[in-house]
């Protein structure tokens, strides 16, 4: 399935002819488009999930299929609904709370917003931190729009990701409804089988000339990125792909980078992955807490066969924590029990071998087999700047562990945060685990740690992948990366409350979440929860709550 260059040129001409018309589409019609896309996504959801399961070696009737229900159509339906609700408020949705920190930085509480939010995610809170010295303004394209003097439209190219099914659709929605740009979505060759389902789900936007699709490999990608009609680009992938687009490849590309001579001067945003750290705050953990968080960490690794940019990749522990070895033993066991996954994403075996070459002491704790990269633990990695495991995203089932020289919680938080900020590659996502008693006893150090973490998504006692799925939170790198050192990228997506200048999102959860989190690898009713969550997100209702809760607590 490859689009010809002639077809693509004609497609871009069609979008060019409609880009100004999209800018003129008023909010009521946009809400209607979103409603139609929501209904379309519901209609294709089962076939979408079935195709994804087949491609990833998952039994469609198994609990594990729930991963695809939740990370694909459910995340898409939720995002659409939240955008609808924001537009219904005139593109000026009110956060649950808005406050200023002592230093003047604005923080908006974006979750929970409803009674159902509180019932479904008890004890969860999410805040969007705005950039320092920026006001808490929202919906800039709607706020500034003058019907008598509309700005010209733009064509955006979205280069879709091959790992998570909702990434492409959600990026399309952001470009259209938050940034006012018509879109051509180039499907990633790894999961281009999803293209027809997304085309059908978003058919009203396709029919009216505001959305088009492209299929193919690098040749198609370069044709689109370089095309004169494409004015903006958003990609999800690797920093190497970004650099090839901006600077070029080989010696010529490196020379361009050194001189600052970009080969492509277009508006570019990107989400480019991360070596996601999990900071394990020392203290006196109860046995049940050790077991729960070990399962939590293992699940952060195992989800989607570890082909997630927010998968746990580095555990940061305290060298003087008496329970460190006990915790690592429990992580090892949880990984061993997680069950093998098919390594469906290209290059996994080569990346895995690269880590084995660097760390002969790496311990494979999961099952091996054809097309399987075993869950692998690498303990006592040197905590030094430039270390291989800290500067290379494995994008497979490898988990490294480092220990900073600390034993007390406050000292650990100061040192671990500084180390993560300065020596671990990327700024997309991180996780901080801290028992409530330890947090209470070290309140100032904890608050300072959250403030100092330079990550776009910070999960406190929760996998940062949940920040991706919430939608009302932002998703993207911490601001500040430049084109010559792009790391995790630039710009954000999702952000359904339409904040103009977000810095980061912080999601906090109870230390022991109940019922069992839906991202846990050993969830026994995940497929049932996934199906019910789509129906709940499409049209929230208290009447649907008992069935969903019953499925969840049996997990």
Protein backbone atom coordinates (compact mmCIF):
# COMPACT_ATOMS: atom_id res chain seq x y z
CA UNK A 1 0.00 0.00 0.00
CA UNK A 2 2.04 2.95 -1.32
CA UNK A 3 0.79 6.32 -2.53
CA UNK A 4 2.32 7.44 -5.81
CA UNK A 5 4.10 10.79 -5.87
CA UNK A 6 1.68 11.98 -8.54
CA UNK A 7 -1.26 11.09 -6.31
CA UNK A 8 0.34 12.87 -3.38
CA UNK A 9 0.91 16.03 -5.39
CA UNK A 10 -2.75 16.05 -6.41
CA UNK A 11 -3.76 15.41 -2.79
CA UNK A 12 -1.77 18.39 -1.58
CA UNK A 13 -3.34 20.56 -4.25
CA UNK A 14 -6.76 19.51 -2.92
CA UNK A 15 -5.80 20.39 0.64
CA UNK A 16 -4.33 23.69 -0.51
CA UNK A 17 -7.66 24.57 -2.07
CA UNK A 18 -9.45 23.90 1.23
CA UNK A 19 -7.05 25.24 3.85
CA UNK A 20 -8.61 28.72 4.01
CA UNK A 21 -12.09 27.21 4.17
CA UNK A 22 -11.12 25.31 7.31
CA UNK A 23 -10.08 28.50 9.09
CA UNK A 24 -13.54 29.89 8.36
CA UNK A 25 -15.38 26.89 9.85
CA UNK A 26 -17.16 28.13 12.96
CA UNK A 27 -17.30 26.41 16.32
CA UNK A 28 -20.77 24.81 15.97
CA UNK A 29 -19.73 23.08 12.75
CA UNK A 30 -16.46 21.98 14.31
CA UNK A 31 -18.37 20.41 17.18
CA UNK A 32 -20.50 18.57 14.63
CA UNK A 33 -17.39 17.24 12.89
CA UNK A 34 -16.06 16.02 16.22
CA UNK A 35 -19.35 14.34 17.08
CA UNK A 36 -19.33 12.55 13.72
CA UNK A 37 -15.70 11.46 14.19
CA UNK A 38 -16.51 10.15 17.66
CA UNK A 39 -19.35 8.07 16.30
CA UNK A 40 -17.16 6.91 13.43
CA UNK A 41 -14.43 5.80 15.82
CA UNK A 42 -16.93 3.79 17.85
CA UNK A 43 -18.14 2.08 14.68
CA UNK A 44 -14.67 0.92 13.58
CA UNK A 45 -13.30 0.21 17.07
CA UNK A 46 -13.68 -3.57 17.06
CA UNK A 47 -12.14 -4.03 13.61
CA UNK A 48 -9.38 -1.55 14.49
CA UNK A 49 -8.49 -3.51 17.65
CA UNK A 50 -8.71 -6.86 15.89
CA UNK A 51 -6.24 -5.71 13.23
CA UNK A 52 -3.82 -4.31 15.83
CA UNK A 53 -3.95 -7.51 17.85
CA UNK A 54 -3.20 -9.60 14.79
CA UNK A 55 -0.20 -7.42 13.91
CA UNK A 56 1.19 -7.59 17.46
CA UNK A 57 0.61 -11.30 18.07
CA UNK A 58 -2.17 -10.79 20.64
CA UNK A 59 -5.22 -13.04 20.92
CA UNK A 60 -8.20 -10.77 20.23
CA UNK A 61 -10.23 -12.64 22.85
CA UNK A 62 -7.60 -12.40 25.59
CA UNK A 63 -7.33 -9.85 28.40
CA UNK A 64 -4.20 -8.46 26.75
CA UNK A 65 -6.33 -7.19 23.86
CA UNK A 66 -7.50 -4.57 26.33
CA UNK A 67 -4.24 -2.71 25.77
CA UNK A 68 -5.30 -2.09 22.19
CA UNK A 69 -8.87 -1.13 23.14
CA UNK A 70 -7.57 1.45 25.59
CA UNK A 71 -4.53 2.87 23.78
CA UNK A 72 -6.28 2.98 20.40
CA UNK A 73 -9.97 3.81 20.01
CA UNK A 74 -10.62 4.62 23.68
CA UNK A 75 -7.90 7.28 23.83
CA UNK A 76 -9.18 8.68 20.52
CA UNK A 77 -12.81 8.81 21.65
CA UNK A 78 -11.85 10.47 24.92
CA UNK A 79 -9.76 13.11 23.19
CA UNK A 80 -12.56 13.89 20.75
CA UNK A 81 -15.11 14.24 23.53
CA UNK A 82 -12.89 16.55 25.55
CA UNK A 83 -12.28 18.76 22.52
CA UNK A 84 -16.03 18.93 21.96
CA UNK A 85 -16.57 20.01 25.55
CA UNK A 86 -13.92 22.72 25.24
CA UNK A 87 -15.45 24.10 22.07
CA UNK A 88 -18.89 24.02 23.66
CA UNK A 89 -17.43 26.47 26.19
CA UNK A 90 -16.37 28.80 23.41
CA UNK A 91 -12.81 27.42 23.37
CA UNK A 92 -12.33 28.92 26.85
CA UNK A 93 -12.87 25.87 29.10
CA UNK A 94 -12.47 26.48 32.80
CA UNK A 95 -9.93 24.38 34.69
CA UNK A 96 -11.05 22.96 38.04
CA UNK A 97 -8.64 25.30 39.77
CA UNK A 98 -6.11 27.95 38.81
CA UNK A 99 -3.44 29.11 41.21
CA UNK A 100 -0.09 30.87 41.23
CA UNK A 101 2.98 29.42 42.88
CA UNK A 102 5.04 31.69 45.15
CA UNK A 103 7.38 32.35 42.20
CA UNK A 104 4.42 33.55 40.11
CA UNK A 105 4.11 30.48 37.86
CA UNK A 106 0.53 29.52 37.02
CA UNK A 107 -0.69 25.97 37.64
CA UNK A 108 -4.06 24.76 36.34
CA UNK A 109 -5.89 21.77 37.83
CA UNK A 110 -7.29 19.91 34.82
CA UNK A 111 -8.31 16.62 36.42
CA UNK A 112 -10.65 15.56 37.92
CA UNK A 113 -13.34 17.73 36.36
CA UNK A 114 -16.50 15.73 36.94
CA UNK A 115 -18.09 13.43 39.50
CA UNK A 116 -17.37 10.49 37.22
CA UNK A 117 -13.70 11.47 37.04
CA UNK A 118 -13.55 11.35 40.82
CA UNK A 119 -15.33 8.01 41.02
CA UNK A 120 -13.32 6.33 38.27
CA UNK A 121 -9.92 7.69 39.33
CA UNK A 122 -10.15 8.07 43.09
CA UNK A 123 -7.32 10.11 44.51
CA UNK A 124 -5.92 11.16 41.10
CA UNK A 125 -5.14 14.79 40.33
CA UNK A 126 -3.54 16.34 37.24
CA UNK A 127 -2.12 19.82 36.81
CA UNK A 128 -0.82 21.66 33.78
CA UNK A 129 2.02 24.00 34.70
CA UNK A 130 2.25 27.05 32.44
CA UNK A 131 5.58 28.41 31.30
CA UNK A 132 7.12 30.90 33.74
CA UNK A 133 6.10 34.51 33.17
CA UNK A 134 3.24 33.40 30.90
CA UNK A 135 -0.42 34.06 31.61
CA UNK A 136 -2.93 31.20 31.80
CA UNK A 137 -4.48 31.92 28.40
CA UNK A 138 -6.35 29.41 26.26
CA UNK A 139 -7.63 28.83 22.73
CA UNK A 140 -5.45 31.35 20.96
CA UNK A 141 -6.73 30.55 17.45
CA UNK A 142 -10.32 31.05 18.56
CA UNK A 143 -9.63 34.00 20.85
CA UNK A 144 -7.93 36.04 18.17
CA UNK A 145 -10.09 35.06 15.23
CA UNK A 146 -11.89 37.95 13.52
CA UNK A 147 -14.46 36.68 10.99
CA UNK A 148 -13.87 39.81 8.92
CA UNK A 149 -10.11 39.30 8.76
CA UNK A 150 -9.35 35.59 8.85
CA UNK A 151 -5.71 34.47 8.72
CA UNK A 152 -4.59 32.26 5.82
CA UNK A 153 -4.80 28.52 6.33
CA UNK A 154 -1.90 26.08 6.44
CA UNK A 155 -1.25 22.49 5.41
CA UNK A 156 0.30 20.34 8.14
CA UNK A 157 2.00 17.03 7.52
CA UNK A 158 1.63 14.57 10.39
CA UNK A 159 4.15 11.74 10.28
CA UNK A 160 2.40 9.01 12.22
CA UNK A 161 3.97 6.69 14.77
CA UNK A 162 4.13 2.93 14.28
CA UNK A 163 3.73 1.80 17.88
CA UNK A 164 0.57 3.23 19.51
CA UNK A 165 -2.58 3.27 17.40
CA UNK A 166 -4.03 6.56 18.68
CA UNK A 167 -0.95 8.73 18.15
CA UNK A 168 -1.69 9.58 14.52
CA UNK A 169 -5.40 10.35 15.04
CA UNK A 170 -4.72 12.48 18.12
CA UNK A 171 -2.03 14.46 16.31
CA UNK A 172 -4.46 15.06 13.45
CA UNK A 173 -7.09 16.34 15.88
CA UNK A 174 -4.59 18.71 17.48
CA UNK A 175 -3.48 20.19 14.19
CA UNK A 176 -7.05 20.68 13.00
CA UNK A 177 -8.87 21.82 16.13
CA UNK A 178 -6.14 23.46 18.21
CA UNK A 179 -3.76 24.84 15.57
CA UNK A 180 -6.26 25.45 12.73
CA UNK A 181 -4.35 23.53 10.05
CA UNK A 182 -5.64 21.07 7.48
CA UNK A 183 -3.75 17.77 7.56
CA UNK A 184 -2.20 15.06 5.49
CA UNK A 185 -1.48 12.07 7.73
CA UNK A 186 1.29 9.81 6.50
CA UNK A 187 0.81 6.44 8.11
CA UNK A 188 3.86 4.71 9.49
CA UNK A 189 4.72 1.55 7.51
CA UNK A 190 4.71 -0.46 10.76
CA UNK A 191 0.98 0.09 11.36
CA UNK A 192 -0.34 1.46 8.10
CA UNK A 193 -2.95 -1.33 8.27
CA UNK A 194 -4.81 1.06 10.60
CA UNK A 195 -5.15 3.73 7.94
CA UNK A 196 -8.45 2.54 6.45
CA UNK A 197 -10.08 2.44 9.91
CA UNK A 198 -8.96 5.97 10.73
CA UNK A 199 -10.07 7.19 7.29
CA UNK A 200 -13.50 5.71 7.91
CA UNK A 201 -13.72 7.10 11.44
CA UNK A 202 -12.77 10.60 10.28
CA UNK A 203 -14.72 10.36 7.02
CA UNK A 204 -16.58 13.71 7.40
CA UNK A 205 -13.27 15.58 7.51
CA UNK A 206 -12.01 13.61 4.52
CA UNK A 207 -15.22 14.19 2.56
CA UNK A 208 -15.06 17.95 3.02
CA UNK A 209 -11.42 18.17 1.96
CA UNK A 210 -9.77 18.94 5.30
CA UNK A 211 -7.94 15.64 5.85
CA UNK A 212 -6.01 13.32 3.58
CA UNK A 213 -3.91 10.17 4.04
CA UNK A 214 -0.62 8.98 2.58
CA UNK A 215 1.03 5.56 2.63
CA UNK A 216 4.61 4.51 1.98
CA UNK A 217 8.16 4.62 3.23
CA UNK A 218 11.05 7.08 3.28
CA UNK A 219 10.58 8.24 -0.32
CA UNK A 220 6.99 9.24 0.35
CA UNK A 221 8.00 10.90 3.61
CA UNK A 222 10.71 13.01 2.00
CA UNK A 223 8.45 14.00 -0.88
CA UNK A 224 5.89 15.29 1.60
CA UNK A 225 8.28 17.02 3.99
CA UNK A 226 9.96 18.84 1.10
CA UNK A 227 6.78 19.73 -0.81
CA UNK A 228 6.24 23.46 -1.16
CA UNK A 229 2.58 23.20 -0.18
CA UNK A 230 3.41 21.65 3.21
CA UNK A 231 3.98 24.50 5.67
CA UNK A 232 4.07 22.68 9.02
CA UNK A 233 5.28 19.24 10.12
CA UNK A 234 4.59 17.21 13.24
CA UNK A 235 6.33 13.90 13.72
CA UNK A 236 6.42 11.18 16.32
CA UNK A 237 9.49 9.01 16.04
CA UNK A 238 13.21 9.26 16.68
CA UNK A 239 15.57 12.20 16.92
CA UNK A 240 17.41 10.71 13.96
CA UNK A 241 14.30 11.08 11.78
CA UNK A 242 13.94 14.68 12.89
CA UNK A 243 17.58 15.42 12.11
CA UNK A 244 17.34 13.83 8.66
CA UNK A 245 14.39 16.09 7.86
CA UNK A 246 15.92 19.28 9.25
CA UNK A 247 19.62 18.87 8.47
CA UNK A 248 19.93 15.97 6.05
CA UNK A 249 21.90 12.75 6.43
CA UNK A 250 25.53 11.67 6.48
CA UNK A 251 28.49 14.03 6.48
CA UNK A 252 26.54 16.74 4.70
CA UNK A 253 23.86 16.65 7.39
CA UNK A 254 26.43 16.91 10.18
CA UNK A 255 28.13 19.81 8.43
CA UNK A 256 24.79 21.60 8.12
CA UNK A 257 24.05 21.03 11.79
CA UNK A 258 27.44 22.43 12.85
CA UNK A 259 26.97 25.54 10.72
CA UNK A 260 23.26 25.96 11.55
CA UNK A 261 22.35 25.70 7.87
CA UNK A 262 18.96 23.94 7.91
CA UNK A 263 17.93 22.14 4.74
CA UNK A 264 14.29 22.67 5.66
CA UNK A 265 12.94 25.86 7.20
CA UNK A 266 9.41 24.96 8.16
CA UNK A 267 7.38 24.99 11.34
CA UNK A 268 8.27 21.67 12.99
CA UNK A 269 6.98 20.10 16.19
CA UNK A 270 7.98 16.65 17.33
CA UNK A 271 7.66 13.97 20.01
CA UNK A 272 10.86 11.94 19.85
CA UNK A 273 10.99 9.60 22.80
CA UNK A 274 12.94 9.47 26.03
CA UNK A 275 15.01 7.28 28.32
CA UNK A 276 12.24 7.43 30.90
CA UNK A 277 13.49 7.28 34.50
CA UNK A 278 11.61 6.01 37.54
CA UNK A 279 12.83 7.61 40.77
CA UNK A 280 12.40 5.26 43.77
CA UNK A 281 12.31 7.35 46.95
CA UNK A 282 13.85 5.50 49.91
CA UNK A 283 12.04 5.04 53.19
CA UNK A 284 10.40 2.27 55.16
CA UNK A 285 8.14 0.60 52.58
CA UNK A 286 5.59 -1.98 53.67
CA UNK A 287 5.81 -5.45 52.07
CA UNK A 288 2.58 -4.86 50.16
CA UNK A 289 3.95 -1.55 48.85
CA UNK A 290 7.14 -3.18 47.62
CA UNK A 291 5.13 -5.85 45.81
CA UNK A 292 2.67 -3.36 44.27
CA UNK A 293 5.32 -0.96 43.00
CA UNK A 294 7.49 -3.79 41.67
CA UNK A 295 4.50 -4.91 39.60
CA UNK A 296 3.95 -1.27 38.63
CA UNK A 297 7.52 -0.90 37.36
CA UNK A 298 7.40 -4.22 35.49
CA UNK A 299 4.16 -3.15 33.82
CA UNK A 300 5.70 0.17 32.77
CA UNK A 301 8.28 -1.95 30.94
CA UNK A 302 5.98 -4.64 29.53
CA UNK A 303 3.10 -2.52 28.22
CA UNK A 304 2.92 -2.69 24.39
CA UNK A 305 5.97 -4.99 24.42
CA UNK A 306 7.96 -1.98 25.73
CA UNK A 307 7.55 -0.15 22.41
CA UNK A 308 6.45 3.01 24.21
CA UNK A 309 8.38 6.25 24.39
CA UNK A 310 7.24 6.48 28.02
CA UNK A 311 8.21 2.92 28.98
CA UNK A 312 10.30 2.67 32.15
CA UNK A 313 13.95 2.42 31.09
CA UNK A 314 16.03 3.46 34.12
CA UNK A 315 15.34 2.85 37.81
CA UNK A 316 17.04 5.48 39.98
CA UNK A 317 17.48 4.08 43.48
CA UNK A 318 19.27 5.19 46.64
CA UNK A 319 22.51 3.35 47.31
CA UNK A 320 21.90 3.43 51.06
CA UNK A 321 18.27 2.27 50.98
CA UNK A 322 18.10 -0.93 53.09
CA UNK A 323 15.24 -2.32 50.96
CA UNK A 324 16.91 -1.69 47.61
CA UNK A 325 17.89 -5.29 46.92
CA UNK A 326 14.57 -6.62 48.13
CA UNK A 327 12.77 -4.25 45.77
CA UNK A 328 14.96 -5.20 42.81
CA UNK A 329 14.30 -8.88 43.50
CA UNK A 330 10.57 -8.21 43.36
CA UNK A 331 10.94 -6.26 40.10
CA UNK A 332 12.88 -9.19 38.66
CA UNK A 333 10.13 -11.61 39.61
CA UNK A 334 7.36 -9.36 38.28
CA UNK A 335 9.16 -9.10 34.93
CA UNK A 336 9.68 -12.85 34.84
CA UNK A 337 5.94 -13.35 35.41
CA UNK A 338 4.87 -10.73 32.86
CA UNK A 339 4.69 -13.14 29.92
CA UNK A 340 6.54 -12.74 26.64
CA UNK A 341 5.45 -10.39 23.87
CA UNK A 342 6.15 -10.43 20.16
CA UNK A 343 8.85 -7.93 19.21
CA UNK A 344 6.76 -6.47 16.38
CA UNK A 345 8.64 -3.20 16.02
CA UNK A 346 11.54 -3.28 13.53
CA UNK A 347 15.06 -3.15 14.91
CA UNK A 348 14.24 -4.48 18.39
CA UNK A 349 16.69 -7.38 18.21
CA UNK A 350 19.52 -5.10 17.05
CA UNK A 351 18.85 -2.53 19.78
CA UNK A 352 18.70 -5.32 22.35
CA UNK A 353 22.03 -6.72 21.16
CA UNK A 354 23.53 -3.26 21.48
CA UNK A 355 22.70 -3.29 25.19
CA UNK A 356 24.03 -6.84 25.63
CA UNK A 357 27.30 -5.78 24.00
CA UNK A 358 27.64 -2.92 26.47
CA UNK A 359 26.49 -4.85 29.54
CA UNK A 360 27.51 -8.54 29.54
CA UNK A 361 26.06 -8.79 33.07
CA UNK A 362 22.54 -8.10 31.75
CA UNK A 363 20.11 -10.68 33.09
CA UNK A 364 17.32 -11.95 30.85
CA UNK A 365 14.47 -12.67 33.25
CA UNK A 366 11.67 -13.18 30.75
CA UNK A 367 11.04 -15.89 28.20
CA UNK A 368 13.00 -15.97 24.94
CA UNK A 369 11.89 -17.27 21.59
CA UNK A 370 11.37 -16.46 17.95
CA UNK A 371 10.45 -12.77 17.52
CA UNK A 372 10.70 -12.30 21.29
CA UNK A 373 13.07 -9.94 23.08
CA UNK A 374 13.13 -11.15 26.70
CA UNK A 375 12.55 -8.76 29.58
CA UNK A 376 16.05 -7.93 30.71
CA UNK A 377 17.36 -6.28 33.86
CA UNK A 378 20.73 -4.51 34.07
CA UNK A 379 21.55 -3.67 37.67
CA UNK A 380 24.28 -1.40 39.07
CA UNK A 381 24.82 0.57 35.88
CA UNK A 382 27.39 3.32 36.59
CA UNK A 383 25.64 6.57 37.45
CA UNK A 384 27.76 8.78 35.24
CA UNK A 385 27.17 11.28 32.47
CA UNK A 386 27.30 9.73 29.00
CA UNK A 387 26.62 6.17 30.16
CA UNK A 388 25.17 4.06 27.31
CA UNK A 389 21.99 2.97 29.12
CA UNK A 390 21.26 6.57 30.10
CA UNK A 391 21.75 8.07 26.65
CA UNK A 392 20.25 5.44 24.33
CA UNK A 393 16.54 4.65 24.24
CA UNK A 394 16.31 0.85 24.13
CA UNK A 395 12.78 0.75 22.68
CA UNK A 396 12.59 -2.89 23.72
CA UNK A 397 12.24 -4.75 27.03
CA UNK A 398 15.42 -3.56 28.76
CA UNK A 399 15.39 -1.97 32.23
CA UNK A 400 18.55 -0.52 33.73
CA UNK A 401 19.13 0.40 37.38
CA UNK A 402 21.46 3.02 38.80
CA UNK A 403 22.01 4.04 42.42
CA UNK A 404 22.79 7.57 43.56
CA UNK A 405 24.84 8.11 46.69
CA UNK A 406 22.02 8.76 49.17
CA UNK A 407 20.07 7.05 51.91
CA UNK A 408 17.69 9.72 53.25
CA UNK A 409 14.61 10.77 51.21
CA UNK A 410 15.38 14.50 51.07
CA UNK A 411 18.97 13.98 49.99
CA UNK A 412 17.87 11.38 47.44
CA UNK A 413 15.24 13.65 45.89
CA UNK A 414 17.74 16.47 45.45
CA UNK A 415 20.41 14.24 43.91
CA UNK A 416 18.11 12.03 41.82
CA UNK A 417 16.27 14.96 40.26
CA UNK A 418 19.52 16.73 39.41
CA UNK A 419 20.94 13.51 37.93
CA UNK A 420 17.83 12.83 35.84
CA UNK A 421 17.76 16.38 34.54
CA UNK A 422 21.43 16.46 33.60
CA UNK A 423 22.50 12.91 32.74
CA UNK A 424 19.50 10.93 31.42
CA UNK A 425 18.60 11.55 27.78
CA UNK A 426 15.28 13.16 26.97
CA UNK A 427 12.65 15.24 28.73
CA UNK A 428 9.38 13.64 27.64
CA UNK A 429 8.38 11.62 30.69
CA UNK A 430 9.47 10.48 34.12
CA UNK A 431 7.98 8.80 37.17
CA UNK A 432 8.52 9.48 40.88
CA UNK A 433 7.45 6.84 43.42
CA UNK A 434 7.12 8.04 47.01
CA UNK A 435 5.15 6.48 49.90
CA UNK A 436 2.68 8.85 51.58
CA UNK A 437 4.45 8.79 54.94
CA UNK A 438 7.76 9.65 53.28
CA UNK A 439 6.14 12.44 51.27
CA UNK A 440 4.53 13.88 54.41
CA UNK A 441 7.81 13.83 56.32
CA UNK A 442 9.67 15.45 53.40
CA UNK A 443 7.01 17.79 52.08
CA UNK A 444 9.31 20.65 51.10
CA UNK A 445 11.84 18.38 49.39
CA UNK A 446 9.07 16.59 47.50
CA UNK A 447 7.46 19.83 46.29
CA UNK A 448 10.84 21.15 45.19
CA UNK A 449 11.59 17.90 43.36
CA UNK A 450 8.38 18.12 41.31
CA UNK A 451 9.08 21.77 40.55
CA UNK A 452 12.68 21.07 39.51
CA UNK A 453 12.02 18.07 37.25
CA UNK A 454 12.51 19.20 33.65
CA UNK A 455 10.10 16.77 32.00
CA UNK A 456 6.98 17.41 29.96
CA UNK A 457 5.09 14.63 31.75
CA UNK A 458 5.68 13.75 35.40
CA UNK A 459 3.84 10.83 36.97
CA UNK A 460 3.88 10.79 40.77
CA UNK A 461 3.07 7.22 41.84
CA UNK A 462 1.69 6.57 38.36
CA UNK A 463 3.05 5.51 34.98
CA UNK A 464 3.43 8.65 32.82
CA UNK A 465 1.74 6.79 29.97
CA UNK A 466 -1.52 7.70 31.70
CA UNK A 467 -0.69 11.38 31.08
CA UNK A 468 -0.70 10.57 27.36
CA UNK A 469 -4.16 9.00 27.54
CA UNK A 470 -5.88 11.57 29.77
CA UNK A 471 -6.06 14.14 26.98
CA UNK A 472 -6.74 17.09 29.28
CA UNK A 473 -3.03 16.99 30.11
CA UNK A 474 -0.34 18.05 27.66
CA UNK A 475 1.97 15.60 25.95
CA UNK A 476 5.39 16.62 24.72
CA UNK A 477 8.94 17.44 25.72
CA UNK A 478 9.87 20.00 28.34
CA UNK A 479 10.37 23.34 26.53
CA UNK A 480 13.86 24.39 25.51
CA UNK A 481 15.22 21.88 23.01
CA UNK A 482 16.73 23.34 19.87
CA UNK A 483 16.91 21.91 16.37
CA UNK A 484 20.60 21.04 16.73
CA UNK A 485 20.00 19.13 20.01
CA UNK A 486 16.37 18.10 19.70
CA UNK A 487 16.31 15.15 22.18
CA UNK A 488 12.60 14.57 23.04
CA UNK A 489 11.35 17.22 20.63
CA UNK A 490 9.43 20.45 20.75
CA UNK A 491 5.80 21.49 21.11
CA UNK A 492 2.86 19.63 22.65
CA UNK A 493 -0.26 17.75 21.59
CA UNK A 494 -3.51 16.64 23.33
CA UNK A 495 -3.95 19.66 25.66
CA UNK A 496 -7.73 19.64 25.29
CA UNK A 497 -8.11 22.65 27.58
CA UNK A 498 -6.25 24.55 24.85
CA UNK A 499 -3.55 26.26 26.95
CA UNK A 500 -1.38 28.59 24.91
CA UNK A 501 1.93 28.15 26.76
CA UNK A 502 2.14 24.89 28.72
CA UNK A 503 5.39 23.79 30.33
CA UNK A 504 4.62 20.37 31.81
CA UNK A 505 1.86 18.17 33.16
CA UNK A 506 1.99 16.53 36.58
CA UNK A 507 -0.28 13.58 37.36
CA UNK A 508 -0.42 12.31 40.92
CA UNK A 509 -2.05 9.08 42.12
CA UNK A 510 -2.35 7.17 45.39
CA UNK A 511 0.70 5.08 46.22
CA UNK A 512 -1.38 1.91 45.96
CA UNK A 513 -4.03 2.37 43.28
CA UNK A 514 -7.31 0.48 43.55
CA UNK A 515 -8.75 -1.24 41.61
CA UNK A 516 -5.81 -2.76 39.76
CA UNK A 517 -4.53 -0.23 37.20
CA UNK A 518 -5.46 -0.99 33.62
CA UNK A 519 -1.83 -0.77 32.51
CA UNK A 520 -0.77 -3.62 34.82
CA UNK A 521 0.55 -6.58 32.85
CA UNK A 522 -1.33 -9.11 34.99
CA UNK A 523 -4.80 -7.54 34.64
CA UNK A 524 -7.28 -10.39 34.15
CA UNK A 525 -10.30 -8.51 32.73
CA UNK A 526 -8.55 -5.80 30.71
CA UNK A 527 -10.40 -6.48 27.46
CA UNK A 528 -13.76 -6.14 29.24
CA UNK A 529 -12.66 -2.89 30.87
CA UNK A 530 -11.43 -1.57 27.52
CA UNK A 531 -14.72 -2.19 25.74
CA UNK A 532 -16.72 -0.61 28.55
CA UNK A 533 -14.39 2.38 28.81
CA UNK A 534 -14.99 3.28 25.17
CA UNK A 535 -18.73 3.38 25.78
CA UNK A 536 -18.23 5.40 28.94
CA UNK A 537 -15.91 7.92 27.26
CA UNK A 538 -18.19 8.33 24.27
CA UNK A 539 -21.13 9.29 26.47
CA UNK A 540 -20.34 9.44 30.20
CA UNK A 541 -23.14 8.25 32.44
CA UNK A 542 -23.49 7.12 36.05
CA UNK A 543 -25.71 4.32 34.75
CA UNK A 544 -22.68 2.76 33.04
CA UNK A 545 -20.56 2.90 36.18
CA UNK A 546 -21.60 -0.37 37.92
CA UNK A 547 -20.74 -2.56 34.93
CA UNK A 548 -17.40 -0.84 34.43
CA UNK A 549 -16.49 -1.03 38.11
CA UNK A 550 -17.46 -4.72 38.26
CA UNK A 551 -15.15 -5.47 35.34
CA UNK A 552 -12.35 -3.40 36.87
CA UNK A 553 -12.38 -4.91 40.36
CA UNK A 554 -12.18 -8.43 38.95
CA UNK A 555 -8.92 -7.52 37.22
